[in-house]
Amino acid sequence: MKKIFTSDWHLGHNRVIHDFGERPFSSVEEMDNTIIDNMFSGLKKNDMIYFLGDLYWNIDSFWKMYNQIPNGVRFFWIIGNHDHKQVKQHYAHFELITPMMDTKIQGNHVVLCHYPMTTWNRSHHGSWQLYGHHHKGGHVEPNVIGKQLNVNVEYHDYMPWTEDEVVEYMSHRPDNFDYIQR
């Protein structure tokens, strides 16, 4: 069973290409096709996608993406600031739609949220936080303060993060500032 983590696809969103994302695509269609192909390649039944917000901008792009999710893949949608209007109409299509989620990656407690946080559940016990929201062009990347990772596609060559990649990345991060050693 494979787990992948990603955010900020912004499918069908023309402005994310040049205005605030600095994405290397010549068209929305090229961006959508690249992201969809990269995310679903190699996924099989019972694999899990943890999507951390800002899925799509227009309904045609949503249905194109949705119809390509491999059969039996579990899709957890942690909603972002651009998702609130769309969530109600698509609730039945996903395993879970929520603003925040706690999970585990190879035994490590992880909090998933679209937004970076200063502290999060169990951060004082060394837990991790995965987030999105911040883009390469329009936002200043927040001061990452320990075991945090921005899974926005722009920071990972439009590929998802695998759980092994997340574990490797976190092995080089300092402890959270509020970590209490026991």
N, C-alpha and C. Protein backbone atom coordinates (compact mmCIF):
# COMPACT_ATOMS: atom_id res chain seq x y z
N MET A 1 0.85 -1.18 0.00
CA MET A 1 0.00 0.00 0.00
C MET A 1 0.89 1.25 0.00
N LYS A 2 0.70 2.07 -0.98
CA LYS A 2 1.49 3.27 -1.16
C LYS A 2 0.70 4.49 -0.65
N LYS A 3 1.40 5.42 -0.01
CA LYS A 3 0.80 6.69 0.41
C LYS A 3 1.56 7.82 -0.29
N ILE A 4 0.79 8.76 -0.87
CA ILE A 4 1.43 9.95 -1.44
C ILE A 4 0.79 11.20 -0.86
N PHE A 5 1.56 12.28 -0.86
CA PHE A 5 1.15 13.55 -0.27
C PHE A 5 1.41 14.67 -1.26
N THR A 6 0.43 15.56 -1.42
CA THR A 6 0.54 16.61 -2.42
C THR A 6 -0.47 17.71 -2.12
N SER A 7 -0.30 18.85 -2.77
CA SER A 7 -1.28 19.94 -2.63
C SER A 7 -1.19 20.90 -3.80
N ASP A 8 -2.16 21.78 -3.84
CA ASP A 8 -2.16 22.95 -4.72
C ASP A 8 -2.06 22.62 -6.20
N TRP A 9 -2.90 21.69 -6.65
CA TRP A 9 -2.91 21.38 -8.07
C TRP A 9 -3.49 22.55 -8.87
N HIS A 10 -4.51 23.19 -8.34
CA HIS A 10 -5.16 24.33 -9.03
C HIS A 10 -5.51 23.97 -10.48
N LEU A 11 -6.08 22.79 -10.68
CA LEU A 11 -6.43 22.36 -12.03
C LEU A 11 -7.39 23.36 -12.67
N GLY A 12 -7.12 23.69 -13.93
CA GLY A 12 -7.97 24.63 -14.65
C GLY A 12 -7.78 26.09 -14.29
N HIS A 13 -6.75 26.40 -13.53
CA HIS A 13 -6.54 27.77 -13.03
C HIS A 13 -5.42 28.44 -13.82
N ASN A 14 -5.77 29.26 -14.77
CA ASN A 14 -4.80 29.92 -15.64
C ASN A 14 -3.85 30.85 -14.88
N ARG A 15 -4.36 31.61 -13.92
CA ARG A 15 -3.53 32.59 -13.22
C ARG A 15 -2.41 31.95 -12.38
N VAL A 16 -2.58 30.70 -11.97
CA VAL A 16 -1.53 30.07 -11.17
C VAL A 16 -0.27 29.82 -12.00
N ILE A 17 -0.42 29.78 -13.30
CA ILE A 17 0.73 29.52 -14.17
C ILE A 17 1.71 30.69 -14.14
N HIS A 18 1.21 31.92 -14.26
CA HIS A 18 2.11 33.08 -14.38
C HIS A 18 1.99 34.09 -13.25
N ASP A 19 0.82 34.25 -12.68
CA ASP A 19 0.61 35.34 -11.73
C ASP A 19 1.14 35.07 -10.34
N PHE A 20 0.92 33.85 -9.82
CA PHE A 20 1.41 33.64 -8.47
C PHE A 20 2.04 32.27 -8.26
N GLY A 21 2.14 31.46 -9.28
CA GLY A 21 2.75 30.16 -9.12
C GLY A 21 4.04 29.98 -9.88
N GLU A 22 4.28 30.81 -10.88
CA GLU A 22 5.47 30.69 -11.72
C GLU A 22 5.64 29.26 -12.24
N ARG A 23 4.57 28.70 -12.75
CA ARG A 23 4.62 27.32 -13.25
C ARG A 23 5.13 27.28 -14.69
N PRO A 24 5.90 26.26 -15.03
CA PRO A 24 6.57 26.20 -16.35
C PRO A 24 5.70 25.60 -17.45
N PHE A 25 4.45 25.97 -17.51
CA PHE A 25 3.54 25.39 -18.50
C PHE A 25 3.06 26.47 -19.46
N SER A 26 2.83 26.09 -20.70
CA SER A 26 2.36 27.04 -21.70
C SER A 26 0.85 27.15 -21.73
N SER A 27 0.15 26.21 -21.09
CA SER A 27 -1.31 26.25 -21.08
C SER A 27 -1.86 25.51 -19.86
N VAL A 28 -3.11 25.77 -19.57
CA VAL A 28 -3.79 25.07 -18.48
C VAL A 28 -3.87 23.58 -18.80
N GLU A 29 -4.13 23.24 -20.04
CA GLU A 29 -4.24 21.84 -20.43
C GLU A 29 -2.93 21.09 -20.18
N GLU A 30 -1.80 21.72 -20.53
CA GLU A 30 -0.51 21.10 -20.29
C GLU A 30 -0.27 20.91 -18.79
N MET A 31 -0.59 21.92 -17.99
CA MET A 31 -0.42 21.83 -16.55
C MET A 31 -1.30 20.71 -15.98
N ASP A 32 -2.59 20.73 -16.33
CA ASP A 32 -3.51 19.72 -15.81
C ASP A 32 -3.04 18.31 -16.18
N ASN A 33 -2.70 18.10 -17.44
CA ASN A 33 -2.27 16.77 -17.89
C ASN A 33 -1.01 16.31 -17.17
N THR A 34 -0.04 17.21 -16.99
CA THR A 34 1.20 16.85 -16.30
C THR A 34 0.92 16.46 -14.87
N ILE A 35 0.17 17.28 -14.16
CA ILE A 35 -0.11 17.00 -12.75
C ILE A 35 -0.91 15.70 -12.60
N ILE A 36 -1.96 15.54 -13.38
CA ILE A 36 -2.78 14.33 -13.28
C ILE A 36 -1.95 13.08 -13.58
N ASP A 37 -1.17 13.12 -14.66
CA ASP A 37 -0.33 11.97 -15.00
C ASP A 37 0.67 11.67 -13.90
N ASN A 38 1.33 12.70 -13.37
CA ASN A 38 2.33 12.50 -12.31
C ASN A 38 1.72 11.94 -11.03
N MET A 39 0.52 12.41 -10.68
CA MET A 39 -0.08 11.99 -9.42
C MET A 39 -0.60 10.56 -9.46
N PHE A 40 -1.16 10.15 -10.58
CA PHE A 40 -1.84 8.85 -10.62
C PHE A 40 -0.98 7.72 -11.18
N SER A 41 0.16 8.05 -11.74
CA SER A 41 1.05 7.04 -12.32
C SER A 41 1.49 6.04 -11.25
N GLY A 42 1.27 4.78 -11.52
CA GLY A 42 1.74 3.73 -10.62
C GLY A 42 0.87 3.46 -9.42
N LEU A 43 -0.22 4.21 -9.24
CA LEU A 43 -1.11 3.95 -8.10
C LEU A 43 -2.02 2.75 -8.40
N LYS A 44 -2.29 1.97 -7.34
CA LYS A 44 -3.13 0.78 -7.46
C LYS A 44 -4.20 0.78 -6.37
N LYS A 45 -5.06 -0.18 -6.45
CA LYS A 45 -6.13 -0.34 -5.47
C LYS A 45 -5.57 -0.30 -4.05
N ASN A 46 -6.24 0.46 -3.19
CA ASN A 46 -5.90 0.65 -1.77
C ASN A 46 -4.74 1.60 -1.53
N ASP A 47 -4.08 2.10 -2.58
CA ASP A 47 -3.10 3.17 -2.37
C ASP A 47 -3.86 4.41 -1.92
N MET A 48 -3.15 5.34 -1.29
CA MET A 48 -3.80 6.52 -0.70
C MET A 48 -3.18 7.80 -1.19
N ILE A 49 -4.04 8.73 -1.60
CA ILE A 49 -3.64 10.09 -1.93
C ILE A 49 -4.11 10.98 -0.78
N TYR A 50 -3.18 11.69 -0.18
CA TYR A 50 -3.53 12.70 0.81
C TYR A 50 -3.32 14.05 0.12
N PHE A 51 -4.43 14.67 -0.24
CA PHE A 51 -4.38 15.92 -0.98
C PHE A 51 -4.65 17.07 -0.02
N LEU A 52 -3.72 18.02 0.11
CA LEU A 52 -3.78 19.06 1.13
C LEU A 52 -4.25 20.41 0.59
N GLY A 53 -5.27 20.40 -0.21
CA GLY A 53 -5.96 21.64 -0.55
C GLY A 53 -5.66 22.28 -1.89
N ASP A 54 -6.69 22.99 -2.37
CA ASP A 54 -6.71 23.75 -3.62
C ASP A 54 -6.61 22.82 -4.83
N LEU A 55 -7.67 22.07 -5.01
CA LEU A 55 -7.73 21.03 -6.02
C LEU A 55 -7.96 21.56 -7.43
N TYR A 56 -9.00 22.36 -7.63
CA TYR A 56 -9.31 22.77 -9.00
C TYR A 56 -9.98 24.13 -9.02
N TRP A 57 -10.04 24.68 -10.23
CA TRP A 57 -10.60 26.01 -10.44
C TRP A 57 -11.86 25.97 -11.29
N ASN A 58 -11.98 24.98 -12.17
CA ASN A 58 -13.22 24.86 -12.95
C ASN A 58 -13.68 23.42 -13.00
N ILE A 59 -14.97 23.24 -13.18
CA ILE A 59 -15.59 21.93 -13.06
C ILE A 59 -15.11 20.94 -14.12
N ASP A 60 -14.83 21.41 -15.33
CA ASP A 60 -14.34 20.50 -16.37
C ASP A 60 -13.00 19.87 -15.97
N SER A 61 -12.13 20.67 -15.38
CA SER A 61 -10.85 20.14 -14.91
C SER A 61 -11.04 19.13 -13.78
N PHE A 62 -12.01 19.41 -12.91
CA PHE A 62 -12.30 18.45 -11.83
C PHE A 62 -12.70 17.10 -12.41
N TRP A 63 -13.68 17.09 -13.32
CA TRP A 63 -14.17 15.81 -13.84
C TRP A 63 -13.10 15.08 -14.64
N LYS A 64 -12.27 15.81 -15.35
CA LYS A 64 -11.15 15.18 -16.07
C LYS A 64 -10.24 14.45 -15.09
N MET A 65 -9.90 15.12 -13.98
CA MET A 65 -9.06 14.52 -12.96
C MET A 65 -9.78 13.35 -12.29
N TYR A 66 -11.00 13.58 -11.87
CA TYR A 66 -11.74 12.56 -11.11
C TYR A 66 -11.89 11.27 -11.91
N ASN A 67 -12.15 11.39 -13.19
CA ASN A 67 -12.34 10.20 -14.04
C ASN A 67 -11.04 9.45 -14.30
N GLN A 68 -9.91 10.00 -13.91
CA GLN A 68 -8.62 9.32 -14.10
C GLN A 68 -8.05 8.74 -12.81
N ILE A 69 -8.74 8.93 -11.69
CA ILE A 69 -8.27 8.32 -10.44
C ILE A 69 -8.33 6.81 -10.63
N PRO A 70 -7.22 6.11 -10.43
CA PRO A 70 -7.24 4.65 -10.61
C PRO A 70 -8.26 3.99 -9.68
N ASN A 71 -8.89 2.95 -10.19
CA ASN A 71 -9.93 2.24 -9.46
C ASN A 71 -9.41 1.73 -8.11
N GLY A 72 -10.14 2.03 -7.05
CA GLY A 72 -9.80 1.54 -5.72
C GLY A 72 -8.80 2.40 -4.96
N VAL A 73 -8.29 3.48 -5.58
CA VAL A 73 -7.38 4.39 -4.87
C VAL A 73 -8.20 5.24 -3.90
N ARG A 74 -7.71 5.35 -2.69
CA ARG A 74 -8.39 6.13 -1.66
C ARG A 74 -7.88 7.57 -1.72
N PHE A 75 -8.82 8.53 -1.76
CA PHE A 75 -8.47 9.94 -1.93
C PHE A 75 -8.99 10.70 -0.72
N PHE A 76 -8.07 11.24 0.09
CA PHE A 76 -8.41 12.04 1.26
C PHE A 76 -8.17 13.51 0.89
N TRP A 77 -9.20 14.32 0.94
CA TRP A 77 -9.13 15.72 0.52
C TRP A 77 -9.17 16.61 1.75
N ILE A 78 -8.04 17.19 2.11
CA ILE A 78 -7.95 18.19 3.17
C ILE A 78 -8.16 19.53 2.46
N ILE A 79 -9.24 20.21 2.79
CA ILE A 79 -9.64 21.37 1.99
C ILE A 79 -8.75 22.58 2.22
N GLY A 80 -8.60 23.36 1.14
CA GLY A 80 -7.82 24.59 1.18
C GLY A 80 -8.71 25.79 0.97
N ASN A 81 -8.10 26.95 0.92
CA ASN A 81 -8.87 28.19 0.82
C ASN A 81 -9.64 28.32 -0.50
N HIS A 82 -9.24 27.65 -1.57
CA HIS A 82 -9.97 27.72 -2.83
C HIS A 82 -10.96 26.58 -2.99
N ASP A 83 -11.09 25.72 -2.00
CA ASP A 83 -11.94 24.53 -2.12
C ASP A 83 -13.32 24.68 -1.51
N HIS A 84 -13.53 25.63 -0.67
CA HIS A 84 -14.76 25.69 0.12
C HIS A 84 -16.02 25.73 -0.74
N LYS A 85 -16.00 26.41 -1.86
CA LYS A 85 -17.19 26.51 -2.70
C LYS A 85 -17.51 25.18 -3.38
N GLN A 86 -16.51 24.37 -3.64
CA GLN A 86 -16.71 23.13 -4.38
C GLN A 86 -16.98 21.92 -3.51
N VAL A 87 -16.64 21.98 -2.25
CA VAL A 87 -16.66 20.81 -1.39
C VAL A 87 -18.04 20.16 -1.33
N LYS A 88 -19.08 20.92 -1.12
CA LYS A 88 -20.41 20.33 -0.94
C LYS A 88 -20.86 19.51 -2.14
N GLN A 89 -20.57 19.98 -3.34
CA GLN A 89 -21.04 19.25 -4.51
C GLN A 89 -20.25 17.98 -4.80
N HIS A 90 -19.09 17.81 -4.18
CA HIS A 90 -18.26 16.64 -4.46
C HIS A 90 -18.05 15.74 -3.24
N TYR A 91 -18.75 16.00 -2.17
CA TYR A 91 -18.50 15.28 -0.92
C TYR A 91 -18.57 13.76 -1.09
N ALA A 92 -19.54 13.28 -1.85
CA ALA A 92 -19.75 11.84 -1.99
C ALA A 92 -18.67 11.15 -2.83
N HIS A 93 -17.86 11.90 -3.54
CA HIS A 93 -16.88 11.30 -4.45
C HIS A 93 -15.56 10.93 -3.77
N PHE A 94 -15.37 11.32 -2.52
CA PHE A 94 -14.08 11.11 -1.87
C PHE A 94 -14.26 10.37 -0.56
N GLU A 95 -13.19 9.73 -0.12
CA GLU A 95 -13.22 8.99 1.13
C GLU A 95 -13.46 9.92 2.31
N LEU A 96 -12.82 11.07 2.29
CA LEU A 96 -12.93 12.01 3.40
C LEU A 96 -12.63 13.40 2.90
N ILE A 97 -13.44 14.34 3.31
CA ILE A 97 -13.14 15.75 3.07
C ILE A 97 -13.16 16.42 4.43
N THR A 98 -12.04 17.06 4.79
CA THR A 98 -11.90 17.63 6.12
C THR A 98 -10.92 18.80 6.08
N PRO A 99 -11.00 19.73 7.02
CA PRO A 99 -10.03 20.83 7.04
C PRO A 99 -8.67 20.45 7.64
N MET A 100 -8.61 19.34 8.37
CA MET A 100 -7.37 18.93 9.02
C MET A 100 -7.47 17.44 9.31
N MET A 101 -6.33 16.77 9.35
CA MET A 101 -6.35 15.33 9.59
C MET A 101 -5.06 14.91 10.29
N ASP A 102 -5.18 13.99 11.22
CA ASP A 102 -4.03 13.36 11.85
C ASP A 102 -3.88 11.97 11.24
N THR A 103 -2.64 11.58 10.96
CA THR A 103 -2.36 10.26 10.41
C THR A 103 -0.99 9.82 10.89
N LYS A 104 -0.49 8.72 10.36
CA LYS A 104 0.85 8.25 10.69
C LYS A 104 1.59 7.94 9.40
N ILE A 105 2.88 8.24 9.42
CA ILE A 105 3.78 7.86 8.34
C ILE A 105 4.89 7.05 8.98
N GLN A 106 4.91 5.77 8.67
CA GLN A 106 5.93 4.86 9.21
C GLN A 106 6.12 5.05 10.71
N GLY A 107 5.01 5.09 11.43
CA GLY A 107 5.03 5.18 12.89
C GLY A 107 5.14 6.59 13.45
N ASN A 108 5.30 7.58 12.61
CA ASN A 108 5.42 8.97 13.06
C ASN A 108 4.07 9.67 12.96
N HIS A 109 3.70 10.37 14.03
CA HIS A 109 2.45 11.12 14.04
C HIS A 109 2.59 12.34 13.13
N VAL A 110 1.59 12.54 12.25
CA VAL A 110 1.64 13.62 11.26
C VAL A 110 0.30 14.35 11.24
N VAL A 111 0.36 15.68 11.21
CA VAL A 111 -0.83 16.51 11.06
C VAL A 111 -0.83 17.06 9.64
N LEU A 112 -1.95 16.89 8.95
CA LEU A 112 -2.12 17.37 7.59
C LEU A 112 -3.09 18.53 7.59
N CYS A 113 -2.68 19.66 7.01
CA CYS A 113 -3.51 20.85 6.94
C CYS A 113 -3.05 21.65 5.73
N HIS A 114 -3.96 22.38 5.12
CA HIS A 114 -3.57 23.20 3.97
C HIS A 114 -2.61 24.31 4.38
N TYR A 115 -2.71 24.78 5.60
CA TYR A 115 -1.94 25.94 6.05
C TYR A 115 -0.82 25.53 7.00
N PRO A 116 0.35 26.19 6.93
CA PRO A 116 1.39 25.93 7.91
C PRO A 116 0.98 26.50 9.26
N MET A 117 1.42 25.84 10.31
CA MET A 117 1.07 26.27 11.66
C MET A 117 2.33 26.44 12.50
N THR A 118 2.25 27.26 13.51
CA THR A 118 3.37 27.43 14.44
C THR A 118 3.48 26.21 15.34
N THR A 119 2.35 25.75 15.84
CA THR A 119 2.31 24.50 16.60
C THR A 119 1.13 23.69 16.07
N TRP A 120 1.15 22.39 16.29
CA TRP A 120 0.10 21.49 15.82
C TRP A 120 0.01 20.34 16.80
N ASN A 121 -0.97 19.50 16.63
CA ASN A 121 -1.20 18.40 17.56
C ASN A 121 0.08 17.58 17.74
N ARG A 122 0.49 17.46 18.98
CA ARG A 122 1.66 16.66 19.38
C ARG A 122 2.99 17.23 18.86
N SER A 123 3.01 18.49 18.42
CA SER A 123 4.29 19.06 17.96
C SER A 123 5.31 19.04 19.09
N HIS A 124 4.84 19.20 20.33
CA HIS A 124 5.76 19.17 21.47
C HIS A 124 6.27 17.75 21.77
N HIS A 125 5.71 16.76 21.07
CA HIS A 125 6.21 15.38 21.16
C HIS A 125 6.96 14.98 19.90
N GLY A 126 7.27 15.95 19.03
CA GLY A 126 8.06 15.67 17.85
C GLY A 126 7.27 15.26 16.61
N SER A 127 5.94 15.48 16.63
CA SER A 127 5.15 15.11 15.45
C SER A 127 5.50 16.01 14.27
N TRP A 128 5.05 15.62 13.10
CA TRP A 128 5.34 16.34 11.87
C TRP A 128 4.11 17.06 11.38
N GLN A 129 4.31 18.08 10.54
CA GLN A 129 3.20 18.73 9.87
C GLN A 129 3.50 18.85 8.38
N LEU A 130 2.54 18.41 7.56
CA LEU A 130 2.60 18.61 6.11
C LEU A 130 1.54 19.64 5.76
N TYR A 131 1.87 20.54 4.85
CA TYR A 131 0.96 21.62 4.48
C TYR A 131 1.18 22.00 3.03
N GLY A 132 0.40 22.95 2.53
CA GLY A 132 0.54 23.50 1.19
C GLY A 132 0.37 25.00 1.25
N HIS A 133 -0.48 25.53 0.41
CA HIS A 133 -0.90 26.92 0.38
C HIS A 133 0.14 27.89 -0.16
N HIS A 134 1.37 27.79 0.22
CA HIS A 134 2.40 28.73 -0.21
C HIS A 134 2.97 28.30 -1.56
N HIS A 135 2.99 29.25 -2.49
CA HIS A 135 3.46 29.01 -3.85
C HIS A 135 4.84 29.63 -4.05
N LYS A 136 5.54 29.19 -5.09
CA LYS A 136 6.86 29.72 -5.38
C LYS A 136 6.85 31.20 -5.72
N GLY A 137 5.81 31.69 -6.37
CA GLY A 137 5.84 33.06 -6.86
C GLY A 137 5.17 34.08 -5.99
N GLY A 138 3.98 33.81 -5.50
CA GLY A 138 3.17 34.85 -4.89
C GLY A 138 3.27 35.01 -3.40
N HIS A 139 3.61 33.99 -2.69
CA HIS A 139 3.68 34.06 -1.24
C HIS A 139 5.13 33.93 -0.81
N VAL A 140 5.45 34.51 0.29
CA VAL A 140 6.75 34.28 0.89
C VAL A 140 6.64 32.96 1.65
N GLU A 141 7.56 32.07 1.40
CA GLU A 141 7.53 30.79 2.11
C GLU A 141 7.72 31.07 3.60
N PRO A 142 6.86 30.47 4.43
CA PRO A 142 6.96 30.74 5.87
C PRO A 142 8.26 30.19 6.45
N ASN A 143 8.62 30.71 7.59
CA ASN A 143 9.79 30.23 8.30
C ASN A 143 9.48 28.84 8.85
N VAL A 144 9.99 27.83 8.20
CA VAL A 144 9.73 26.45 8.62
C VAL A 144 10.46 26.22 9.93
N ILE A 145 9.75 25.73 10.93
CA ILE A 145 10.27 25.73 12.30
C ILE A 145 10.53 24.36 12.89
N GLY A 146 10.83 23.41 12.10
CA GLY A 146 11.08 22.07 12.63
C GLY A 146 10.63 21.03 11.63
N LYS A 147 9.86 20.09 12.11
CA LYS A 147 9.42 18.97 11.30
C LYS A 147 8.19 19.35 10.47
N GLN A 148 8.39 20.26 9.51
CA GLN A 148 7.33 20.71 8.61
C GLN A 148 7.78 20.54 7.17
N LEU A 149 6.79 20.33 6.27
CA LEU A 149 7.10 20.17 4.86
C LEU A 149 5.95 20.72 4.02
N ASN A 150 6.28 21.61 3.08
CA ASN A 150 5.32 22.13 2.11
C ASN A 150 5.25 21.13 0.96
N VAL A 151 4.07 20.50 0.77
CA VAL A 151 3.92 19.48 -0.27
C VAL A 151 3.29 20.04 -1.54
N ASN A 152 3.27 21.37 -1.69
CA ASN A 152 2.80 22.01 -2.92
C ASN A 152 3.58 21.43 -4.10
N VAL A 153 2.88 21.09 -5.18
CA VAL A 153 3.53 20.47 -6.34
C VAL A 153 4.66 21.32 -6.91
N GLU A 154 4.61 22.62 -6.72
CA GLU A 154 5.64 23.52 -7.26
C GLU A 154 7.01 23.28 -6.63
N TYR A 155 7.05 22.73 -5.42
CA TYR A 155 8.30 22.50 -4.71
C TYR A 155 8.83 21.07 -4.88
N HIS A 156 8.16 20.27 -5.72
CA HIS A 156 8.60 18.88 -5.88
C HIS A 156 8.44 18.43 -7.34
N ASP A 157 8.76 19.34 -8.25
CA ASP A 157 8.75 19.06 -9.68
C ASP A 157 7.43 18.46 -10.16
N TYR A 158 6.33 18.92 -9.58
CA TYR A 158 4.98 18.50 -9.97
C TYR A 158 4.75 17.01 -9.78
N MET A 159 5.45 16.47 -8.81
CA MET A 159 5.31 15.06 -8.42
C MET A 159 4.79 15.02 -6.99
N PRO A 160 4.16 13.91 -6.61
CA PRO A 160 3.76 13.76 -5.21
C PRO A 160 4.97 13.38 -4.36
N TRP A 161 4.84 13.61 -3.07
CA TRP A 161 5.83 13.12 -2.11
C TRP A 161 5.39 11.72 -1.68
N THR A 162 6.28 10.75 -1.76
CA THR A 162 5.98 9.43 -1.23
C THR A 162 6.27 9.43 0.27
N GLU A 163 5.74 8.44 0.97
CA GLU A 163 6.01 8.42 2.40
C GLU A 163 7.50 8.23 2.68
N ASP A 164 8.21 7.47 1.86
CA ASP A 164 9.67 7.32 2.06
C ASP A 164 10.39 8.65 1.88
N GLU A 165 9.97 9.45 0.91
CA GLU A 165 10.59 10.76 0.70
C GLU A 165 10.30 11.69 1.88
N VAL A 166 9.10 11.64 2.43
CA VAL A 166 8.77 12.46 3.59
C VAL A 166 9.64 12.06 4.78
N VAL A 167 9.78 10.77 5.02
CA VAL A 167 10.61 10.28 6.13
C VAL A 167 12.06 10.74 5.95
N GLU A 168 12.60 10.62 4.75
CA GLU A 168 13.97 11.05 4.48
C GLU A 168 14.12 12.55 4.73
N TYR A 169 13.19 13.34 4.23
CA TYR A 169 13.24 14.79 4.42
C TYR A 169 13.21 15.13 5.92
N MET A 170 12.31 14.52 6.66
CA MET A 170 12.18 14.83 8.09
C MET A 170 13.40 14.38 8.89
N SER A 171 14.12 13.39 8.40
CA SER A 171 15.31 12.93 9.13
C SER A 171 16.39 14.00 9.17
N HIS A 172 16.31 14.99 8.28
CA HIS A 172 17.30 16.08 8.23
C HIS A 172 16.79 17.38 8.83
N ARG A 173 15.56 17.38 9.31
CA ARG A 173 14.97 18.59 9.90
C ARG A 173 15.28 18.64 11.39
N PRO A 174 15.43 19.84 11.94
CA PRO A 174 15.65 19.96 13.39
C PRO A 174 14.37 19.62 14.15
N ASP A 175 14.53 19.38 15.44
CA ASP A 175 13.35 19.16 16.28
C ASP A 175 12.47 20.40 16.28
N ASN A 176 11.19 20.21 16.53
CA ASN A 176 10.27 21.33 16.67
C ASN A 176 10.71 22.19 17.84
N PHE A 177 10.47 23.50 17.74
CA PHE A 177 10.93 24.41 18.79
C PHE A 177 10.31 24.09 20.14
N ASP A 178 9.11 23.50 20.13
CA ASP A 178 8.41 23.23 21.40
C ASP A 178 8.56 21.77 21.83
N TYR A 179 9.48 21.04 21.22
CA TYR A 179 9.68 19.63 21.51
C TYR A 179 10.14 19.45 22.94
N ILE A 180 9.48 18.54 23.65
CA ILE A 180 9.84 18.22 25.03
C ILE A 180 10.49 16.86 25.03
N GLN A 181 11.79 16.80 25.31
CA GLN A 181 12.45 15.50 25.36
C GLN A 181 12.08 14.81 26.65
N ARG A 182 11.79 13.57 26.53
CA ARG A 182 11.37 12.78 27.71
C ARG A 182 12.42 11.79 28.09
